[in-house]
Amino acid sequence: MSPTVVRDGPFRLFFFSREEPRIHVHVAHPDGEAKFWLTPQVTLANHTGLSARQLREAQTVVESHLQEIAHAWQYHFGG
């Protein structure tokens, strides 16, 4: 199960259920995907298919929805 947290332009932010305990979010885009760690700061974990510009845009989207992502993580994972 991969619940969608946010849709923002071409980006869909989501979690994979029970993937790992460290808070992170996956970002899907028509051209590829990325994974960002959220703490202690938003950091790119890995990616595939996205250009440097798309990665910057994805990180901006993650940062702009950080509170929403954190609340969804707590709700979904119960922590």
PDB file of N, CA and C in Angstrom:
ATOM      1  N   MET A   1       0.841  -1.178   0.000  1.00  0.00           N
ATOM      2  CA  MET A   1       0.000   0.000   0.000  1.00  0.00           C
ATOM      3  C   MET A   1       0.885   1.240   0.000  1.00  0.00           C
ATOM      4  N   SER A   2       0.565   2.214  -0.825  1.00  0.00           N
ATOM      5  CA  SER A   2       1.351   3.444  -0.877  1.00  0.00           C
ATOM      6  C   SER A   2       0.413   4.648  -0.878  1.00  0.00           C
ATOM      7  N   PRO A   3       0.003   5.069   0.319  1.00  0.00           N
ATOM      8  CA  PRO A   3      -0.949   6.184   0.394  1.00  0.00           C
ATOM      9  C   PRO A   3      -0.361   7.497  -0.124  1.00  0.00           C
ATOM     10  N   THR A   4      -1.140   8.190  -0.950  1.00  0.00           N
ATOM     11  CA  THR A   4      -0.741   9.507  -1.449  1.00  0.00           C
ATOM     12  C   THR A   4      -0.961  10.522  -0.345  1.00  0.00           C
ATOM     13  N   VAL A   5       0.058  11.343  -0.121  1.00  0.00           N
ATOM     14  CA  VAL A   5      -0.011  12.381   0.900  1.00  0.00           C
ATOM     15  C   VAL A   5      -0.381  13.714   0.258  1.00  0.00           C
ATOM     16  N   VAL A   6       0.270  14.039  -0.852  1.00  0.00           N
ATOM     17  CA  VAL A   6       0.092  15.334  -1.511  1.00  0.00           C
ATOM     18  C   VAL A   6       0.242  15.145  -3.013  1.00  0.00           C
ATOM     19  N   ARG A   7      -0.537  15.883  -3.758  1.00  0.00           N
ATOM     20  CA  ARG A   7      -0.310  16.049  -5.200  1.00  0.00           C
ATOM     21  C   ARG A   7      -0.050  17.536  -5.417  1.00  0.00           C
ATOM     22  N   ASP A   8       1.045  17.832  -6.091  1.00  0.00           N
ATOM     23  CA  ASP A   8       1.430  19.227  -6.321  1.00  0.00           C
ATOM     24  C   ASP A   8       2.029  19.304  -7.714  1.00  0.00           C
ATOM     25  N   GLY A   9       1.289  19.880  -8.654  1.00  0.00           N
ATOM     26  CA  GLY A   9       1.752  19.915 -10.041  1.00  0.00           C
ATOM     27  C   GLY A   9       1.973  18.495 -10.532  1.00  0.00           C
ATOM     28  N   PRO A  10       3.127  18.230 -11.155  1.00  0.00           N
ATOM     29  CA  PRO A  10       3.385  16.885 -11.680  1.00  0.00           C
ATOM     30  C   PRO A  10       3.878  15.901 -10.610  1.00  0.00           C
ATOM     31  N   PHE A  11       3.953  16.343  -9.353  1.00  0.00           N
ATOM     32  CA  PHE A  11       4.524  15.513  -8.291  1.00  0.00           C
ATOM     33  C   PHE A  11       3.441  14.870  -7.418  1.00  0.00           C
ATOM     34  N   ARG A  12       3.663  13.596  -7.090  1.00  0.00           N
ATOM     35  CA  ARG A  12       2.810  12.879  -6.133  1.00  0.00           C
ATOM     36  C   ARG A  12       3.710  12.399  -5.006  1.00  0.00           C
ATOM     37  N   LEU A  13       3.404  12.825  -3.790  1.00  0.00           N
ATOM     38  CA  LEU A  13       4.184  12.433  -2.622  1.00  0.00           C
ATOM     39  C   LEU A  13       3.452  11.300  -1.918  1.00  0.00           C
ATOM     40  N   PHE A  14       4.194  10.246  -1.555  1.00  0.00           N
ATOM     41  CA  PHE A  14       3.560   9.076  -0.968  1.00  0.00           C
ATOM     42  C   PHE A  14       4.531   8.317  -0.079  1.00  0.00           C
ATOM     43  N   PHE A  15       3.975   7.393   0.706  1.00  0.00           N
ATOM     44  CA  PHE A  15       4.750   6.486   1.553  1.00  0.00           C
ATOM     45  C   PHE A  15       4.557   5.064   1.052  1.00  0.00           C
ATOM     46  N   PHE A  16       5.529   4.209   1.315  1.00  0.00           N
ATOM     47  CA  PHE A  16       5.348   2.767   1.197  1.00  0.00           C
ATOM     48  C   PHE A  16       5.103   2.256   2.609  1.00  0.00           C
ATOM     49  N   SER A  17       4.042   1.533   2.819  1.00  0.00           N
ATOM     50  CA  SER A  17       3.741   1.015   4.151  1.00  0.00           C
ATOM     51  C   SER A  17       4.842   0.073   4.618  1.00  0.00           C
ATOM     52  N   ARG A  18       5.306   0.297   5.829  1.00  0.00           N
ATOM     53  CA  ARG A  18       6.265  -0.584   6.517  1.00  0.00           C
ATOM     54  C   ARG A  18       7.588  -0.754   5.785  1.00  0.00           C
ATOM     55  N   GLU A  19       7.993   0.246   5.038  1.00  0.00           N
ATOM     56  CA  GLU A  19       9.267   0.156   4.326  1.00  0.00           C
ATOM     57  C   GLU A  19      10.437   0.253   5.302  1.00  0.00           C
ATOM     58  N   GLU A  20      10.437   1.282   6.132  1.00  0.00           N
ATOM     59  CA  GLU A  20      11.469   1.486   7.137  1.00  0.00           C
ATOM     60  C   GLU A  20      10.982   2.548   8.116  1.00  0.00           C
ATOM     61  N   PRO A  21      11.530   2.569   9.334  1.00  0.00           N
ATOM     62  CA  PRO A  21      10.990   3.472  10.355  1.00  0.00           C
ATOM     63  C   PRO A  21      11.419   4.937  10.235  1.00  0.00           C
ATOM     64  N   ARG A  22      12.536   5.228   9.590  1.00  0.00           N
ATOM     65  CA  ARG A  22      12.999   6.619   9.486  1.00  0.00           C
ATOM     66  C   ARG A  22      12.048   7.411   8.591  1.00  0.00           C
ATOM     67  N   ILE A  23      11.648   8.598   9.059  1.00  0.00           N
ATOM     68  CA  ILE A  23      10.670   9.393   8.321  1.00  0.00           C
ATOM     69  C   ILE A  23      11.245   9.871   6.985  1.00  0.00           C
ATOM     70  N   HIS A  24      10.504   9.560   5.933  1.00  0.00           N
ATOM     71  CA  HIS A  24      10.909   9.922   4.576  1.00  0.00           C
ATOM     72  C   HIS A  24       9.659   9.956   3.707  1.00  0.00           C
ATOM     73  N   VAL A  25       9.811  10.450   2.501  1.00  0.00           N
ATOM     74  CA  VAL A  25       8.692  10.482   1.554  1.00  0.00           C
ATOM     75  C   VAL A  25       9.239  10.173   0.164  1.00  0.00           C
ATOM     76  N   HIS A  26       8.415   9.489  -0.612  1.00  0.00           N
ATOM     77  CA  HIS A  26       8.732   9.214  -2.012  1.00  0.00           C
ATOM     78  C   HIS A  26       8.005  10.245  -2.861  1.00  0.00           C
ATOM     79  N   VAL A  27       8.656  10.649  -3.955  1.00  0.00           N
ATOM     80  CA  VAL A  27       8.081  11.639  -4.860  1.00  0.00           C
ATOM     81  C   VAL A  27       8.062  11.035  -6.260  1.00  0.00           C
ATOM     82  N   ALA A  28       6.865  10.859  -6.794  1.00  0.00           N
ATOM     83  CA  ALA A  28       6.718  10.339  -8.153  1.00  0.00           C
ATOM     84  C   ALA A  28       6.470  11.501  -9.108  1.00  0.00           C
ATOM     85  N   HIS A  29       7.046  11.385 -10.283  1.00  0.00           N
ATOM     86  CA  HIS A  29       6.923  12.378 -11.351  1.00  0.00           C
ATOM     87  C   HIS A  29       6.814  11.566 -12.646  1.00  0.00           C
ATOM     88  N   PRO A  30       6.173  12.072 -13.673  1.00  0.00           N
ATOM     89  CA  PRO A  30       6.082  11.297 -14.919  1.00  0.00           C
ATOM     90  C   PRO A  30       7.444  10.822 -15.451  1.00  0.00           C
ATOM     91  N   ASP A  31       8.521  11.532 -15.140  1.00  0.00           N
ATOM     92  CA  ASP A  31       9.841  11.164 -15.647  1.00  0.00           C
ATOM     93  C   ASP A  31      10.635  10.250 -14.719  1.00  0.00           C
ATOM     94  N   GLY A  32      10.205  10.091 -13.466  1.00  0.00           N
ATOM     95  CA  GLY A  32      10.974   9.264 -12.540  1.00  0.00           C
ATOM     96  C   GLY A  32      10.495   9.416 -11.114  1.00  0.00           C
ATOM     97  N   GLU A  33      11.348   9.022 -10.180  1.00  0.00           N
ATOM     98  CA  GLU A  33      10.999   9.077  -8.764  1.00  0.00           C
ATOM     99  C   GLU A  33      12.208   9.502  -7.943  1.00  0.00           C
ATOM    100  N   ALA A  34      11.909   9.960  -6.720  1.00  0.00           N
ATOM    101  CA  ALA A  34      12.955  10.302  -5.763  1.00  0.00           C
ATOM    102  C   ALA A  34      12.468   9.954  -4.364  1.00  0.00           C
ATOM    103  N   LYS A  35      13.411   9.818  -3.462  1.00  0.00           N
ATOM    104  CA  LYS A  35      13.103   9.573  -2.051  1.00  0.00           C
ATOM    105  C   LYS A  35      13.872  10.612  -1.247  1.00  0.00           C
ATOM    106  N   PHE A  36      13.174  11.246  -0.304  1.00  0.00           N
ATOM    107  CA  PHE A  36      13.789  12.268   0.532  1.00  0.00           C
ATOM    108  C   PHE A  36      13.662  11.901   1.999  1.00  0.00           C
ATOM    109  N   TRP A  37      14.773  11.987   2.731  1.00  0.00           N
ATOM    110  CA  TRP A  37      14.734  11.925   4.190  1.00  0.00           C
ATOM    111  C   TRP A  37      14.192  13.256   4.660  1.00  0.00           C
ATOM    112  N   LEU A  38      13.436  13.277   5.759  1.00  0.00           N
ATOM    113  CA  LEU A  38      12.846  14.522   6.233  1.00  0.00           C
ATOM    114  C   LEU A  38      13.563  15.111   7.435  1.00  0.00           C
ATOM    115  N   THR A  39      14.320  14.295   8.176  1.00  0.00           N
ATOM    116  CA  THR A  39      15.025  14.803   9.346  1.00  0.00           C
ATOM    117  C   THR A  39      16.479  14.356   9.308  1.00  0.00           C
ATOM    118  N   PRO A  40      17.392  15.132   9.832  1.00  0.00           N
ATOM    119  CA  PRO A  40      17.180  16.399  10.537  1.00  0.00           C
ATOM    120  C   PRO A  40      16.836  17.547   9.592  1.00  0.00           C
ATOM    121  N   GLN A  41      17.044  17.338   8.283  1.00  0.00           N
ATOM    122  CA  GLN A  41      16.619  18.309   7.279  1.00  0.00           C
ATOM    123  C   GLN A  41      16.241  17.524   6.036  1.00  0.00           C
ATOM    124  N   VAL A  42      15.526  18.149   5.121  1.00  0.00           N
ATOM    125  CA  VAL A  42      15.128  17.471   3.887  1.00  0.00           C
ATOM    126  C   VAL A  42      16.386  17.213   3.056  1.00  0.00           C
ATOM    127  N   THR A  43      16.628  15.913   2.783  1.00  0.00           N
ATOM    128  CA  THR A  43      17.825  15.491   2.063  1.00  0.00           C
ATOM    129  C   THR A  43      17.451  14.423   1.048  1.00  0.00           C
ATOM    130  N   LEU A  44      17.987  14.525  -0.144  1.00  0.00           N
ATOM    131  CA  LEU A  44      17.746  13.520  -1.166  1.00  0.00           C
ATOM    132  C   LEU A  44      18.406  12.209  -0.755  1.00  0.00           C
ATOM    133  N   ALA A  45      17.626  11.128  -0.717  1.00  0.00           N
ATOM    134  CA  ALA A  45      18.155   9.803  -0.383  1.00  0.00           C
ATOM    135  C   ALA A  45      18.584   9.076  -1.654  1.00  0.00           C
ATOM    136  N   ASN A  46      17.718   9.065  -2.663  1.00  0.00           N
ATOM    137  CA  ASN A  46      18.057   8.462  -3.952  1.00  0.00           C
ATOM    138  C   ASN A  46      17.035   8.915  -4.990  1.00  0.00           C
ATOM    139  N   HIS A  47      17.336   8.634  -6.244  1.00  0.00           N
ATOM    140  CA  HIS A  47      16.420   9.030  -7.313  1.00  0.00           C
ATOM    141  C   HIS A  47      16.718   8.229  -8.568  1.00  0.00           C
ATOM    142  N   THR A  48      15.769   8.268  -9.471  1.00  0.00           N
ATOM    143  CA  THR A  48      15.946   7.668 -10.783  1.00  0.00           C
ATOM    144  C   THR A  48      15.127   8.439 -11.805  1.00  0.00           C
ATOM    145  N   GLY A  49      15.747   8.776 -12.921  1.00  0.00           N
ATOM    146  CA  GLY A  49      15.043   9.376 -14.041  1.00  0.00           C
ATOM    147  C   GLY A  49      14.787  10.868 -13.991  1.00  0.00           C
ATOM    148  N   LEU A  50      15.101  11.534 -12.886  1.00  0.00           N
ATOM    149  CA  LEU A  50      14.816  12.968 -12.771  1.00  0.00           C
ATOM    150  C   LEU A  50      16.061  13.805 -13.028  1.00  0.00           C
ATOM    151  N   SER A  51      15.863  14.938 -13.688  1.00  0.00           N
ATOM    152  CA  SER A  51      16.966  15.872 -13.939  1.00  0.00           C
ATOM    153  C   SER A  51      17.283  16.645 -12.660  1.00  0.00           C
ATOM    154  N   ALA A  52      18.397  17.334 -12.660  1.00  0.00           N
ATOM    155  CA  ALA A  52      18.782  18.159 -11.510  1.00  0.00           C
ATOM    156  C   ALA A  52      17.690  19.200 -11.224  1.00  0.00           C
ATOM    157  N   ARG A  53      17.118  19.785 -12.260  1.00  0.00           N
ATOM    158  CA  ARG A  53      16.054  20.784 -12.081  1.00  0.00           C
ATOM    159  C   ARG A  53      14.818  20.143 -11.458  1.00  0.00           C
ATOM    160  N   GLN A  54      14.438  18.983 -11.946  1.00  0.00           N
ATOM    161  CA  GLN A  54      13.277  18.285 -11.390  1.00  0.00           C
ATOM    162  C   GLN A  54      13.513  17.893  -9.930  1.00  0.00           C
ATOM    163  N   LEU A  55      14.746  17.505  -9.598  1.00  0.00           N
ATOM    164  CA  LEU A  55      15.066  17.164  -8.210  1.00  0.00           C
ATOM    165  C   LEU A  55      14.952  18.390  -7.309  1.00  0.00           C
ATOM    166  N   ARG A  56      15.428  19.545  -7.789  1.00  0.00           N
ATOM    167  CA  ARG A  56      15.287  20.785  -7.011  1.00  0.00           C
ATOM    168  C   ARG A  56      13.811  21.118  -6.812  1.00  0.00           C
ATOM    169  N   GLU A  57      13.013  20.981  -7.873  1.00  0.00           N
ATOM    170  CA  GLU A  57      11.577  21.247  -7.768  1.00  0.00           C
ATOM    171  C   GLU A  57      10.921  20.267  -6.798  1.00  0.00           C
ATOM    172  N   ALA A  58      11.297  19.001  -6.864  1.00  0.00           N
ATOM    173  CA  ALA A  58      10.737  17.990  -5.960  1.00  0.00           C
ATOM    174  C   ALA A  58      11.078  18.325  -4.515  1.00  0.00           C
ATOM    175  N   GLN A  59      12.329  18.729  -4.269  1.00  0.00           N
ATOM    176  CA  GLN A  59      12.721  19.080  -2.904  1.00  0.00           C
ATOM    177  C   GLN A  59      11.936  20.294  -2.416  1.00  0.00           C
ATOM    178  N   THR A  60      11.712  21.268  -3.274  1.00  0.00           N
ATOM    179  CA  THR A  60      10.920  22.442  -2.909  1.00  0.00           C
ATOM    180  C   THR A  60       9.494  22.032  -2.546  1.00  0.00           C
ATOM    181  N   VAL A  61       8.922  21.115  -3.309  1.00  0.00           N
ATOM    182  CA  VAL A  61       7.565  20.624  -3.012  1.00  0.00           C
ATOM    183  C   VAL A  61       7.550  19.930  -1.654  1.00  0.00           C
ATOM    184  N   VAL A  62       8.537  19.066  -1.410  1.00  0.00           N
ATOM    185  CA  VAL A  62       8.610  18.369  -0.118  1.00  0.00           C
ATOM    186  C   VAL A  62       8.720  19.381   1.014  1.00  0.00           C
ATOM    187  N   GLU A  63       9.624  20.355   0.872  1.00  0.00           N
ATOM    188  CA  GLU A  63       9.819  21.351   1.928  1.00  0.00           C
ATOM    189  C   GLU A  63       8.551  22.174   2.163  1.00  0.00           C
ATOM    190  N   SER A  64       7.820  22.483   1.103  1.00  0.00           N
ATOM    191  CA  SER A  64       6.618  23.312   1.264  1.00  0.00           C
ATOM    192  C   SER A  64       5.464  22.540   1.902  1.00  0.00           C
ATOM    193  N   HIS A  65       5.533  21.224   1.896  1.00  0.00           N
ATOM    194  CA  HIS A  65       4.471  20.398   2.480  1.00  0.00           C
ATOM    195  C   HIS A  65       4.966  19.601   3.684  1.00  0.00           C
ATOM    196  N   LEU A  66       6.053  20.034   4.290  1.00  0.00           N
ATOM    197  CA  LEU A  66       6.702  19.271   5.357  1.00  0.00           C
ATOM    198  C   LEU A  66       5.768  18.959   6.521  1.00  0.00           C
ATOM    199  N   GLN A  67       5.022  19.936   7.000  1.00  0.00           N
ATOM    200  CA  GLN A  67       4.107  19.704   8.124  1.00  0.00           C
ATOM    201  C   GLN A  67       3.029  18.695   7.747  1.00  0.00           C
ATOM    202  N   GLU A  68       2.488  18.846   6.568  1.00  0.00           N
ATOM    203  CA  GLU A  68       1.447  17.935   6.080  1.00  0.00           C
ATOM    204  C   GLU A  68       1.983  16.501   5.973  1.00  0.00           C
ATOM    205  N   ILE A  69       3.200  16.355   5.491  1.00  0.00           N
ATOM    206  CA  ILE A  69       3.827  15.036   5.368  1.00  0.00           C
ATOM    207  C   ILE A  69       4.045  14.433   6.756  1.00  0.00           C
ATOM    208  N   ALA A  70       4.563  15.235   7.680  1.00  0.00           N
ATOM    209  CA  ALA A  70       4.825  14.738   9.043  1.00  0.00           C
ATOM    210  C   ALA A  70       3.531  14.291   9.724  1.00  0.00           C
ATOM    211  N   HIS A  71       2.468  15.059   9.568  1.00  0.00           N
ATOM    212  CA  HIS A  71       1.183  14.676  10.158  1.00  0.00           C
ATOM    213  C   HIS A  71       0.650  13.392   9.527  1.00  0.00           C
ATOM    214  N   ALA A  72       0.775  13.281   8.207  1.00  0.00           N
ATOM    215  CA  ALA A  72       0.309  12.073   7.524  1.00  0.00           C
ATOM    216  C   ALA A  72       1.131  10.861   7.960  1.00  0.00           C
ATOM    217  N   TRP A  73       2.438  11.042   8.157  1.00  0.00           N
ATOM    218  CA  TRP A  73       3.304   9.948   8.618  1.00  0.00           C
ATOM    219  C   TRP A  73       2.831   9.471  10.006  1.00  0.00           C
ATOM    220  N   GLN A  74       2.607  10.414  10.897  1.00  0.00           N
ATOM    221  CA  GLN A  74       2.164  10.062  12.252  1.00  0.00           C
ATOM    222  C   GLN A  74       0.819   9.348  12.213  1.00  0.00           C
ATOM    223  N   TYR A  75      -0.084   9.819  11.396  1.00  0.00           N
ATOM    224  CA  TYR A  75      -1.400   9.193  11.286  1.00  0.00           C
ATOM    225  C   TYR A  75      -1.277   7.780  10.700  1.00  0.00           C
ATOM    226  N   HIS A  76      -0.497   7.652   9.631  1.00  0.00           N
ATOM    227  CA  HIS A  76      -0.395   6.377   8.915  1.00  0.00           C
ATOM    228  C   HIS A  76       0.373   5.319   9.722  1.00  0.00           C
ATOM    229  N   PHE A  77       1.467   5.745  10.363  1.00  0.00           N
ATOM    230  CA  PHE A  77       2.328   4.793  11.055  1.00  0.00           C
ATOM    231  C   PHE A  77       2.117   4.769  12.566  1.00  0.00           C
ATOM    232  N   GLY A  78       1.275   5.691  13.048  1.00  0.00           N
ATOM    233  CA  GLY A  78       0.953   5.693  14.473  1.00  0.00           C
ATOM    234  C   GLY A  78       2.071   6.137  15.371  1.00  0.00           C
ATOM    235  N   GLY A  79       2.972   6.942  14.870  1.00  0.00           N
ATOM    236  CA  GLY A  79       4.090   7.390  15.697  1.00  0.00           C
ATOM    237  C   GLY A  79       4.153   8.846  15.693  1.00  0.00           C
TER     238      GLY A  79
END
